Amino acid sequence: MHKAGFVNIVGNPNVGKSTLMNQLVGEKISIATFKAQTTRHRIMGIVNTPDMQIVFSDTPGVLKPNYKMQEMMLAFSESALADADILLYVTDVMDNPEKNIDFLNRVKTMTIPVILLINKIDETNQQQLGNLVEQWHQLLPNAEILPISAKNKFGTDMLMKRIAELLPESPAYFDKEQLTDKPARFFVSEIIREKILRYYDKEIPYSVEVSVERFKEDEQRVHINAVIYVERDSQKGIIIGHQGKALKKVSTEARKSLEKFFGKKIFLEIFVKVDKDWRNSQRELDSFGYNPQ
């Protein structure tokens, strides 16, 4: 008997969905930073055993869209409700249960198994946790509730055991050697974007998209040319920094992470271009991969 299924991870921004995904998959597939809107796409991470294949799916945080890119991000989250075999709804001890109640009401009507994960329990006490469990039980009466700390790996083994029990019988959906549905270029742009989120303040990271123009790999090394797109000339100046120092720091840190990710020497060149209003252009968003299937 072989089991396989789609286990989709949804929830509000910044509750630890990507950290959880990385713990469950065991690879750094979703970038996780302390800023909201880190995950912009739906990213799959695949766990294979001889008799099981779990296809995890990390999604952007659920939010009320202010511009077209956020509409596309919400579409990724909503598509995760449509094709899940098991839904992991992630919240944390600071999250407001009533936030994005429309999305929650859709989760409430689902007939598949829903596991509600209360994350970051190391940041609360027993009484507050008990109150939260009660509150969530009222909101999602059919969900199983599991308190976890994804960062500290508390409760994640129990979660994996429960997923294995709930997974339907099915042949594998992907090749058993496959770790993700995304190509190498996607992870290059994500790793560069992670460094931008880490090293720049205010609105800069949210105005940025990264495109990989060249990815040439041989036995020993990978040659990569990437472009950082910003919306305004002033942002281009900030990304490059005085005498190019800011961009050099991003390039160096990205190269180190890429070498770790690919296990090879990386030659990385990064350019910065202005593309006004790309976040509201359907054509541009399509070219950057914001098109939920």
C-alpha atoms as a PDB file:
ATOM      1  CA  MET A   1       0.000   0.000   0.000  1.00  0.00           C
ATOM      2  CA  HIS A   2       1.367   3.392  -1.036  1.00  0.00           C
ATOM      3  CA  LYS A   3       0.076   6.706   0.305  1.00  0.00           C
ATOM      4  CA  ALA A   4       0.432  10.128  -1.331  1.00  0.00           C
ATOM      5  CA  GLY A   5      -1.241  13.490  -1.070  1.00  0.00           C
ATOM      6  CA  PHE A   6      -1.081  17.270  -1.028  1.00  0.00           C
ATOM      7  CA  VAL A   7      -0.637  18.857   2.396  1.00  0.00           C
ATOM      8  CA  ASN A   8      -1.170  22.588   1.993  1.00  0.00           C
ATOM      9  CA  ILE A   9      -0.022  25.175   4.523  1.00  0.00           C
ATOM     10  CA  VAL A  10      -2.093  28.375   4.869  1.00  0.00           C
ATOM     11  CA  GLY A  11      -2.506  31.182   7.415  1.00  0.00           C
ATOM     12  CA  ASN A  12      -1.927  34.874   8.052  1.00  0.00           C
ATOM     13  CA  PRO A  13       1.442  36.541   7.313  1.00  0.00           C
ATOM     14  CA  ASN A  14       4.352  35.987   9.714  1.00  0.00           C
ATOM     15  CA  VAL A  15       2.943  33.074  11.727  1.00  0.00           C
ATOM     16  CA  GLY A  16       5.806  30.733  10.757  1.00  0.00           C
ATOM     17  CA  LYS A  17       4.475  28.859   7.707  1.00  0.00           C
ATOM     18  CA  SER A  18       7.814  28.840   5.874  1.00  0.00           C
ATOM     19  CA  THR A  19       9.769  27.842   9.004  1.00  0.00           C
ATOM     20  CA  LEU A  20       7.338  24.959   9.488  1.00  0.00           C
ATOM     21  CA  MET A  21       7.643  23.921   5.834  1.00  0.00           C
ATOM     22  CA  ASN A  22      11.445  23.843   6.113  1.00  0.00           C
ATOM     23  CA  GLN A  23      11.269  21.708   9.279  1.00  0.00           C
ATOM     24  CA  LEU A  24       8.847  19.231   7.701  1.00  0.00           C
ATOM     25  CA  VAL A  25      10.706  18.938   4.392  1.00  0.00           C
ATOM     26  CA  GLY A  26      14.150  19.069   5.953  1.00  0.00           C
ATOM     27  CA  GLU A  27      15.513  21.410   3.306  1.00  0.00           C
ATOM     28  CA  LYS A  28      15.630  25.193   3.116  1.00  0.00           C
ATOM     29  CA  ILE A  29      13.001  25.397   0.401  1.00  0.00           C
ATOM     30  CA  SER A  30      10.965  28.397   1.558  1.00  0.00           C
ATOM     31  CA  ILE A  31      12.892  31.483   2.529  1.00  0.00           C
ATOM     32  CA  ALA A  32      11.954  32.548   6.046  1.00  0.00           C
ATOM     33  CA  THR A  33      12.641  36.033   7.357  1.00  0.00           C
ATOM     34  CA  PHE A  34      11.034  38.175  10.044  1.00  0.00           C
ATOM     35  CA  LYS A  35       9.237  40.353   7.483  1.00  0.00           C
ATOM     36  CA  ALA A  36       5.705  39.771   6.230  1.00  0.00           C
ATOM     37  CA  GLN A  37       5.113  38.896   2.574  1.00  0.00           C
ATOM     38  CA  THR A  38       8.348  36.924   2.351  1.00  0.00           C
ATOM     39  CA  THR A  39       6.612  34.093   0.501  1.00  0.00           C
ATOM     40  CA  ARG A  40       5.028  35.420  -2.692  1.00  0.00           C
ATOM     41  CA  HIS A  41       4.461  32.181  -4.570  1.00  0.00           C
ATOM     42  CA  ARG A  42       3.132  28.741  -3.806  1.00  0.00           C
ATOM     43  CA  ILE A  43       6.164  26.544  -3.217  1.00  0.00           C
ATOM     44  CA  MET A  44       6.065  22.753  -3.022  1.00  0.00           C
ATOM     45  CA  GLY A  45       8.432  20.641  -0.945  1.00  0.00           C
ATOM     46  CA  ILE A  46       8.267  16.868  -1.396  1.00  0.00           C
ATOM     47  CA  VAL A  47       8.979  14.258   1.286  1.00  0.00           C
ATOM     48  CA  ASN A  48       9.520  10.726  -0.031  1.00  0.00           C
ATOM     49  CA  THR A  49       9.706   7.387   1.778  1.00  0.00           C
ATOM     50  CA  PRO A  50       9.405   3.933   0.145  1.00  0.00           C
ATOM     51  CA  ASP A  51       5.665   3.744   0.894  1.00  0.00           C
ATOM     52  CA  MET A  52       4.695   7.412   1.035  1.00  0.00           C
ATOM     53  CA  GLN A  53       4.965  10.767  -0.746  1.00  0.00           C
ATOM     54  CA  ILE A  54       3.895  13.955   1.047  1.00  0.00           C
ATOM     55  CA  VAL A  55       3.687  17.033  -1.175  1.00  0.00           C
ATOM     56  CA  PHE A  56       3.826  20.043   1.144  1.00  0.00           C
ATOM     57  CA  SER A  57       2.805  23.417  -0.233  1.00  0.00           C
ATOM     58  CA  ASP A  58       3.794  26.734   1.383  1.00  0.00           C
ATOM     59  CA  THR A  59       1.620  29.720   0.439  1.00  0.00           C
ATOM     60  CA  PRO A  60       1.745  33.509   0.879  1.00  0.00           C
ATOM     61  CA  GLY A  61       0.156  34.909   4.038  1.00  0.00           C
ATOM     62  CA  VAL A  62      -3.535  35.704   3.633  1.00  0.00           C
ATOM     63  CA  LEU A  63      -4.082  39.463   3.314  1.00  0.00           C
ATOM     64  CA  LYS A  64      -6.479  42.029   1.895  1.00  0.00           C
ATOM     65  CA  PRO A  65      -4.929  42.973  -1.476  1.00  0.00           C
ATOM     66  CA  ASN A  66      -3.817  46.582  -2.067  1.00  0.00           C
ATOM     67  CA  TYR A  67      -2.371  46.047  -5.542  1.00  0.00           C
ATOM     68  CA  LYS A  68      -2.360  43.441  -8.279  1.00  0.00           C
ATOM     69  CA  MET A  69       0.646  41.479  -7.002  1.00  0.00           C
ATOM     70  CA  GLN A  70      -1.158  40.935  -3.675  1.00  0.00           C
ATOM     71  CA  GLU A  71      -4.277  39.801  -5.565  1.00  0.00           C
ATOM     72  CA  MET A  72      -2.150  37.138  -7.250  1.00  0.00           C
ATOM     73  CA  MET A  73      -0.628  36.159  -3.881  1.00  0.00           C
ATOM     74  CA  LEU A  74      -4.114  35.707  -2.406  1.00  0.00           C
ATOM     75  CA  ALA A  75      -5.021  33.558  -5.428  1.00  0.00           C
ATOM     76  CA  PHE A  76      -2.098  31.235  -4.567  1.00  0.00           C
ATOM     77  CA  SER A  77      -3.462  30.863  -1.015  1.00  0.00           C
ATOM     78  CA  GLU A  78      -6.997  30.240  -2.266  1.00  0.00           C
ATOM     79  CA  SER A  79      -5.805  27.657  -4.804  1.00  0.00           C
ATOM     80  CA  ALA A  80      -4.308  25.745  -1.849  1.00  0.00           C
ATOM     81  CA  LEU A  81      -7.826  25.253  -0.470  1.00  0.00           C
ATOM     82  CA  ALA A  82      -8.995  23.714  -3.743  1.00  0.00           C
ATOM     83  CA  ASP A  83      -6.550  20.830  -4.138  1.00  0.00           C
ATOM     84  CA  ALA A  84      -5.521  19.876  -0.595  1.00  0.00           C
ATOM     85  CA  ASP A  85      -5.865  16.359   0.790  1.00  0.00           C
ATOM     86  CA  ILE A  86      -4.942  17.722   4.231  1.00  0.00           C
ATOM     87  CA  LEU A  87      -4.943  21.393   5.208  1.00  0.00           C
ATOM     88  CA  LEU A  88      -2.542  22.817   7.802  1.00  0.00           C
ATOM     89  CA  TYR A  89      -3.909  26.145   9.054  1.00  0.00           C
ATOM     90  CA  VAL A  90      -1.059  27.878  10.889  1.00  0.00           C
ATOM     91  CA  THR A  91      -1.640  30.556  13.503  1.00  0.00           C
ATOM     92  CA  ASP A  92       0.515  31.666  16.420  1.00  0.00           C
ATOM     93  CA  VAL A  93       0.084  32.906  19.968  1.00  0.00           C
ATOM     94  CA  MET A  94       0.054  36.591  18.869  1.00  0.00           C
ATOM     95  CA  ASP A  95      -2.210  36.152  15.848  1.00  0.00           C
ATOM     96  CA  ASN A  96      -5.727  37.593  15.924  1.00  0.00           C
ATOM     97  CA  PRO A  97      -8.111  34.661  15.259  1.00  0.00           C
ATOM     98  CA  GLU A  98     -10.722  37.025  13.777  1.00  0.00           C
ATOM     99  CA  LYS A  99      -8.311  38.451  11.174  1.00  0.00           C
ATOM    100  CA  ASN A 100      -9.289  37.542   7.585  1.00  0.00           C
ATOM    101  CA  ILE A 101     -12.476  35.883   8.795  1.00  0.00           C
ATOM    102  CA  ASP A 102     -13.734  35.383   5.199  1.00  0.00           C
ATOM    103  CA  PHE A 103     -10.830  33.052   4.447  1.00  0.00           C
ATOM    104  CA  LEU A 104     -11.369  31.281   7.778  1.00  0.00           C
ATOM    105  CA  ASN A 105     -15.044  30.721   6.990  1.00  0.00           C
ATOM    106  CA  ARG A 106     -14.023  28.980   3.765  1.00  0.00           C
ATOM    107  CA  VAL A 107     -11.678  26.728   5.750  1.00  0.00           C
ATOM    108  CA  LYS A 108     -14.568  25.972   8.128  1.00  0.00           C
ATOM    109  CA  THR A 109     -16.677  24.493   5.301  1.00  0.00           C
ATOM    110  CA  MET A 110     -13.956  22.131   4.060  1.00  0.00           C
ATOM    111  CA  THR A 111     -14.640  18.399   4.243  1.00  0.00           C
ATOM    112  CA  ILE A 112     -10.983  17.275   4.165  1.00  0.00           C
ATOM    113  CA  PRO A 113      -8.954  16.908   7.413  1.00  0.00           C
ATOM    114  CA  VAL A 114      -7.903  20.319   8.789  1.00  0.00           C
ATOM    115  CA  ILE A 115      -5.130  20.520  11.386  1.00  0.00           C
ATOM    116  CA  LEU A 116      -4.930  23.863  13.179  1.00  0.00           C
ATOM    117  CA  LEU A 117      -1.368  24.521  14.358  1.00  0.00           C
ATOM    118  CA  ILE A 118      -0.839  27.072  17.128  1.00  0.00           C
ATOM    119  CA  ASN A 119       2.813  28.013  16.562  1.00  0.00           C
ATOM    120  CA  LYS A 120       5.372  29.805  18.792  1.00  0.00           C
ATOM    121  CA  ILE A 121       4.001  28.262  21.993  1.00  0.00           C
ATOM    122  CA  ASP A 122       7.388  28.947  23.632  1.00  0.00           C
ATOM    123  CA  GLU A 123       6.260  32.616  23.689  1.00  0.00           C
ATOM    124  CA  THR A 124       3.204  32.091  25.907  1.00  0.00           C
ATOM    125  CA  ASN A 125       2.055  30.330  29.101  1.00  0.00           C
ATOM    126  CA  GLN A 126      -0.258  27.378  29.719  1.00  0.00           C
ATOM    127  CA  GLN A 127      -3.297  29.479  30.634  1.00  0.00           C
ATOM    128  CA  GLN A 128      -3.091  31.745  27.550  1.00  0.00           C
ATOM    129  CA  LEU A 129      -2.587  28.682  25.363  1.00  0.00           C
ATOM    130  CA  GLY A 130      -5.646  27.036  26.881  1.00  0.00           C
ATOM    131  CA  ASN A 131      -7.731  30.153  26.127  1.00  0.00           C
ATOM    132  CA  LEU A 132      -6.445  30.213  22.540  1.00  0.00           C
ATOM    133  CA  VAL A 133      -7.275  26.530  22.010  1.00  0.00           C
ATOM    134  CA  GLU A 134     -10.823  27.198  23.239  1.00  0.00           C
ATOM    135  CA  GLN A 135     -11.177  30.255  20.981  1.00  0.00           C
ATOM    136  CA  TRP A 136      -9.985  28.339  17.924  1.00  0.00           C
ATOM    137  CA  HIS A 137     -12.210  25.395  18.756  1.00  0.00           C
ATOM    138  CA  GLN A 138     -15.203  27.753  18.519  1.00  0.00           C
ATOM    139  CA  LEU A 139     -14.001  29.158  15.169  1.00  0.00           C
ATOM    140  CA  LEU A 140     -13.017  25.838  13.544  1.00  0.00           C
ATOM    141  CA  PRO A 141     -14.980  23.140  15.412  1.00  0.00           C
ATOM    142  CA  ASN A 142     -13.985  20.333  13.006  1.00  0.00           C
ATOM    143  CA  ALA A 143     -10.243  21.023  13.082  1.00  0.00           C
ATOM    144  CA  GLU A 144      -7.722  19.031  15.099  1.00  0.00           C
ATOM    145  CA  ILE A 145      -5.689  21.479  17.192  1.00  0.00           C
ATOM    146  CA  LEU A 146      -1.974  20.930  17.756  1.00  0.00           C
ATOM    147  CA  PRO A 147       0.265  23.376  19.668  1.00  0.00           C
ATOM    148  CA  ILE A 148       3.776  23.525  18.155  1.00  0.00           C
ATOM    149  CA  SER A 149       7.012  25.496  18.038  1.00  0.00           C
ATOM    150  CA  ALA A 150       8.300  25.114  14.469  1.00  0.00           C
ATOM    151  CA  LYS A 151      11.538  26.965  15.259  1.00  0.00           C
ATOM    152  CA  ASN A 152      12.322  24.609  18.180  1.00  0.00           C
ATOM    153  CA  LYS A 153      11.001  21.479  16.399  1.00  0.00           C
ATOM    154  CA  PHE A 154       8.447  20.944  19.172  1.00  0.00           C
ATOM    155  CA  GLY A 155       5.387  19.001  18.012  1.00  0.00           C
ATOM    156  CA  THR A 156       6.624  18.583  14.422  1.00  0.00           C
ATOM    157  CA  ASP A 157       7.320  14.826  14.789  1.00  0.00           C
ATOM    158  CA  MET A 158       3.801  14.319  16.153  1.00  0.00           C
ATOM    159  CA  LEU A 159       2.440  16.352  13.243  1.00  0.00           C
ATOM    160  CA  MET A 160       4.298  14.209  10.684  1.00  0.00           C
ATOM    161  CA  LYS A 161       2.928  11.060  12.324  1.00  0.00           C
ATOM    162  CA  ARG A 162      -0.623  12.443  12.120  1.00  0.00           C
ATOM    163  CA  ILE A 163      -0.183  13.458   8.456  1.00  0.00           C
ATOM    164  CA  ALA A 164       1.038   9.944   7.622  1.00  0.00           C
ATOM    165  CA  GLU A 165      -2.108   8.506   9.256  1.00  0.00           C
ATOM    166  CA  LEU A 166      -4.459  10.857   7.373  1.00  0.00           C
ATOM    167  CA  LEU A 167      -2.788  10.618   3.954  1.00  0.00           C
ATOM    168  CA  PRO A 168      -4.942   8.876   1.310  1.00  0.00           C
ATOM    169  CA  GLU A 169      -3.878   5.758  -0.567  1.00  0.00           C
ATOM    170  CA  SER A 170      -2.430   6.838  -3.904  1.00  0.00           C
ATOM    171  CA  PRO A 171       0.543   6.329  -6.216  1.00  0.00           C
ATOM    172  CA  ALA A 172       3.237   9.026  -6.111  1.00  0.00           C
ATOM    173  CA  TYR A 173       2.473  12.300  -7.922  1.00  0.00           C
ATOM    174  CA  PHE A 174       6.121  13.213  -8.551  1.00  0.00           C
ATOM    175  CA  ASP A 175       9.346  11.339  -9.210  1.00  0.00           C
ATOM    176  CA  LYS A 176      10.637   9.889  -5.917  1.00  0.00           C
ATOM    177  CA  GLU A 177      13.951  11.748  -6.331  1.00  0.00           C
ATOM    178  CA  GLN A 178      12.241  15.120  -6.638  1.00  0.00           C
ATOM    179  CA  LEU A 179      12.394  17.617  -3.748  1.00  0.00           C
ATOM    180  CA  THR A 180      10.285  20.434  -5.184  1.00  0.00           C
ATOM    181  CA  ASP A 181       8.197  21.456  -8.182  1.00  0.00           C
ATOM    182  CA  LYS A 182      10.282  24.596  -8.751  1.00  0.00           C
ATOM    183  CA  PRO A 183      13.294  24.895 -11.103  1.00  0.00           C
ATOM    184  CA  ALA A 184      16.780  25.900  -9.911  1.00  0.00           C
ATOM    185  CA  ARG A 185      16.359  29.463 -11.258  1.00  0.00           C
ATOM    186  CA  PHE A 186      13.409  30.005  -8.914  1.00  0.00           C
ATOM    187  CA  PHE A 187      15.584  29.296  -5.854  1.00  0.00           C
ATOM    188  CA  VAL A 188      18.316  31.612  -7.114  1.00  0.00           C
ATOM    189  CA  SER A 189      15.851  34.513  -7.267  1.00  0.00           C
ATOM    190  CA  GLU A 190      14.359  33.558  -3.861  1.00  0.00           C
ATOM    191  CA  ILE A 191      17.792  33.469  -2.180  1.00  0.00           C
ATOM    192  CA  ILE A 192      18.737  36.874  -3.623  1.00  0.00           C
ATOM    193  CA  ARG A 193      15.360  38.259  -2.517  1.00  0.00           C
ATOM    194  CA  GLU A 194      15.899  36.849   0.971  1.00  0.00           C
ATOM    195  CA  LYS A 195      19.121  38.882   1.277  1.00  0.00           C
ATOM    196  CA  ILE A 196      17.298  42.018   0.114  1.00  0.00           C
ATOM    197  CA  LEU A 197      14.614  41.431   2.768  1.00  0.00           C
ATOM    198  CA  ARG A 198      17.347  41.053   5.357  1.00  0.00           C
ATOM    199  CA  TYR A 199      19.552  44.028   4.475  1.00  0.00           C
ATOM    200  CA  TYR A 200      17.163  46.786   3.380  1.00  0.00           C
ATOM    201  CA  ASP A 201      14.535  48.658   5.369  1.00  0.00           C
ATOM    202  CA  LYS A 202      11.046  50.042   4.880  1.00  0.00           C
ATOM    203  CA  GLU A 203       9.321  49.563   1.535  1.00  0.00           C
ATOM    204  CA  ILE A 204      12.385  48.545  -0.497  1.00  0.00           C
ATOM    205  CA  PRO A 205      12.004  44.731  -0.202  1.00  0.00           C
ATOM    206  CA  TYR A 206       8.340  44.923  -1.210  1.00  0.00           C
ATOM    207  CA  SER A 207       9.128  46.954  -4.342  1.00  0.00           C
ATOM    208  CA  VAL A 208      11.690  44.442  -5.559  1.00  0.00           C
ATOM    209  CA  GLU A 209      11.509  41.423  -7.850  1.00  0.00           C
ATOM    210  CA  VAL A 210      14.438  39.282  -8.982  1.00  0.00           C
ATOM    211  CA  SER A 211      14.788  37.673 -12.402  1.00  0.00           C
ATOM    212  CA  VAL A 212      17.496  35.166 -13.384  1.00  0.00           C
ATOM    213  CA  GLU A 213      18.628  35.932 -16.936  1.00  0.00           C
ATOM    214  CA  ARG A 214      21.398  33.332 -17.168  1.00  0.00           C
ATOM    215  CA  PHE A 215      21.904  30.040 -15.341  1.00  0.00           C
ATOM    216  CA  LYS A 216      24.712  27.935 -16.761  1.00  0.00           C
ATOM    217  CA  GLU A 217      25.846  24.920 -14.800  1.00  0.00           C
ATOM    218  CA  ASP A 218      28.719  22.501 -15.316  1.00  0.00           C
ATOM    219  CA  GLU A 219      30.310  19.821 -13.096  1.00  0.00           C
ATOM    220  CA  GLN A 220      32.232  22.248 -10.856  1.00  0.00           C
ATOM    221  CA  ARG A 221      30.446  25.588 -10.975  1.00  0.00           C
ATOM    222  CA  VAL A 222      27.333  27.604 -11.794  1.00  0.00           C
ATOM    223  CA  HIS A 223      27.397  30.938 -13.661  1.00  0.00           C
ATOM    224  CA  ILE A 224      24.441  33.162 -12.805  1.00  0.00           C
ATOM    225  CA  ASN A 225      23.347  36.570 -14.086  1.00  0.00           C
ATOM    226  CA  ALA A 226      20.424  38.067 -12.162  1.00  0.00           C
ATOM    227  CA  VAL A 227      18.507  41.339 -12.377  1.00  0.00           C
ATOM    228  CA  ILE A 228      16.942  43.111  -9.400  1.00  0.00           C
ATOM    229  CA  TYR A 229      13.919  45.073 -10.615  1.00  0.00           C
ATOM    230  CA  VAL A 230      12.756  48.114  -8.626  1.00  0.00           C
ATOM    231  CA  GLU A 231       9.931  50.589  -9.266  1.00  0.00           C
ATOM    232  CA  ARG A 232      11.810  53.908  -8.964  1.00  0.00           C
ATOM    233  CA  ASP A 233      15.243  55.425  -9.653  1.00  0.00           C
ATOM    234  CA  SER A 234      15.587  56.364  -5.972  1.00  0.00           C
ATOM    235  CA  GLN A 235      15.144  52.681  -5.038  1.00  0.00           C
ATOM    236  CA  LYS A 236      17.833  51.709  -7.537  1.00  0.00           C
ATOM    237  CA  GLY A 237      20.212  54.088  -5.761  1.00  0.00           C
ATOM    238  CA  ILE A 238      19.393  52.564  -2.369  1.00  0.00           C
ATOM    239  CA  ILE A 239      19.847  48.985  -3.641  1.00  0.00           C
ATOM    240  CA  ILE A 240      23.272  49.823  -5.137  1.00  0.00           C
ATOM    241  CA  GLY A 241      24.327  51.962  -2.158  1.00  0.00           C
ATOM    242  CA  HIS A 242      27.297  54.314  -1.773  1.00  0.00           C
ATOM    243  CA  GLN A 243      30.095  53.192  -4.112  1.00  0.00           C
ATOM    244  CA  GLY A 244      28.127  49.998  -4.771  1.00  0.00           C
ATOM    245  CA  LYS A 245      28.708  48.701  -1.227  1.00  0.00           C
ATOM    246  CA  ALA A 246      25.105  47.645  -0.485  1.00  0.00           C
ATOM    247  CA  LEU A 247      24.763  45.617  -3.690  1.00  0.00           C
ATOM    248  CA  LYS A 248      28.178  44.048  -3.108  1.00  0.00           C
ATOM    249  CA  LYS A 249      27.070  42.877   0.348  1.00  0.00           C
ATOM    250  CA  VAL A 250      23.875  41.346  -1.072  1.00  0.00           C
ATOM    251  CA  SER A 251      25.868  39.642  -3.864  1.00  0.00           C
ATOM    252  CA  THR A 252      28.426  38.206  -1.427  1.00  0.00           C
ATOM    253  CA  GLU A 253      25.811  36.880   1.000  1.00  0.00           C
ATOM    254  CA  ALA A 254      23.651  35.482  -1.833  1.00  0.00           C
ATOM    255  CA  ARG A 255      26.682  33.758  -3.382  1.00  0.00           C
ATOM    256  CA  LYS A 256      27.531  32.068  -0.034  1.00  0.00           C
ATOM    257  CA  SER A 257      23.953  30.803   0.369  1.00  0.00           C
ATOM    258  CA  LEU A 258      23.812  29.641  -3.262  1.00  0.00           C
ATOM    259  CA  GLU A 259      27.056  27.698  -2.889  1.00  0.00           C
ATOM    260  CA  LYS A 260      25.553  25.972   0.141  1.00  0.00           C
ATOM    261  CA  PHE A 261      22.289  25.307  -1.731  1.00  0.00           C
ATOM    262  CA  PHE A 262      23.860  23.903  -4.919  1.00  0.00           C
ATOM    263  CA  GLY A 263      27.030  22.438  -3.363  1.00  0.00           C
ATOM    264  CA  LYS A 264      29.136  24.082  -6.094  1.00  0.00           C
ATOM    265  CA  LYS A 265      31.218  27.188  -6.707  1.00  0.00           C
ATOM    266  CA  ILE A 266      29.003  30.080  -7.832  1.00  0.00           C
ATOM    267  CA  PHE A 267      29.888  32.994 -10.120  1.00  0.00           C
ATOM    268  CA  LEU A 268      27.180  35.582  -9.567  1.00  0.00           C
ATOM    269  CA  GLU A 269      26.606  38.884 -11.348  1.00  0.00           C
ATOM    270  CA  ILE A 270      23.700  41.080 -10.236  1.00  0.00           C
ATOM    271  CA  PHE A 271      22.354  44.110 -12.128  1.00  0.00           C
ATOM    272  CA  VAL A 272      19.680  46.604 -11.010  1.00  0.00           C
ATOM    273  CA  LYS A 273      16.974  47.909 -13.382  1.00  0.00           C
ATOM    274  CA  VAL A 274      13.957  50.179 -12.959  1.00  0.00           C
ATOM    275  CA  ASP A 275      10.608  48.755 -14.084  1.00  0.00           C
ATOM    276  CA  LYS A 276       7.943  51.276 -13.080  1.00  0.00           C
ATOM    277  CA  ASP A 277       4.773  49.871 -11.528  1.00  0.00           C
ATOM    278  CA  TRP A 278       5.612  46.187 -12.148  1.00  0.00           C
ATOM    279  CA  ARG A 279       3.438  45.217  -9.151  1.00  0.00           C
ATOM    280  CA  ASN A 280       0.313  46.372 -10.994  1.00  0.00           C
ATOM    281  CA  SER A 281       1.179  45.118 -14.479  1.00  0.00           C
ATOM    282  CA  GLN A 282      -0.411  41.771 -15.367  1.00  0.00           C
ATOM    283  CA  ARG A 283       2.125  41.211 -18.155  1.00  0.00           C
ATOM    284  CA  GLU A 284       5.073  41.787 -15.817  1.00  0.00           C
ATOM    285  CA  LEU A 285       3.532  39.669 -13.052  1.00  0.00           C
ATOM    286  CA  ASP A 286       2.989  36.814 -15.512  1.00  0.00           C
ATOM    287  CA  SER A 287       6.625  37.015 -16.592  1.00  0.00           C
ATOM    288  CA  PHE A 288       7.685  36.810 -12.919  1.00  0.00           C
ATOM    289  CA  GLY A 289       5.564  33.680 -12.416  1.00  0.00           C
ATOM    290  CA  TYR A 290       2.547  35.109 -10.565  1.00  0.00           C
ATOM    291  CA  ASN A 291       0.004  32.912 -12.298  1.00  0.00           C
ATOM    292  CA  PRO A 292      -1.740  30.362 -10.045  1.00  0.00           C
ATOM    293  CA  GLN A 293      -2.596  27.235 -12.002  1.00  0.00           C
END
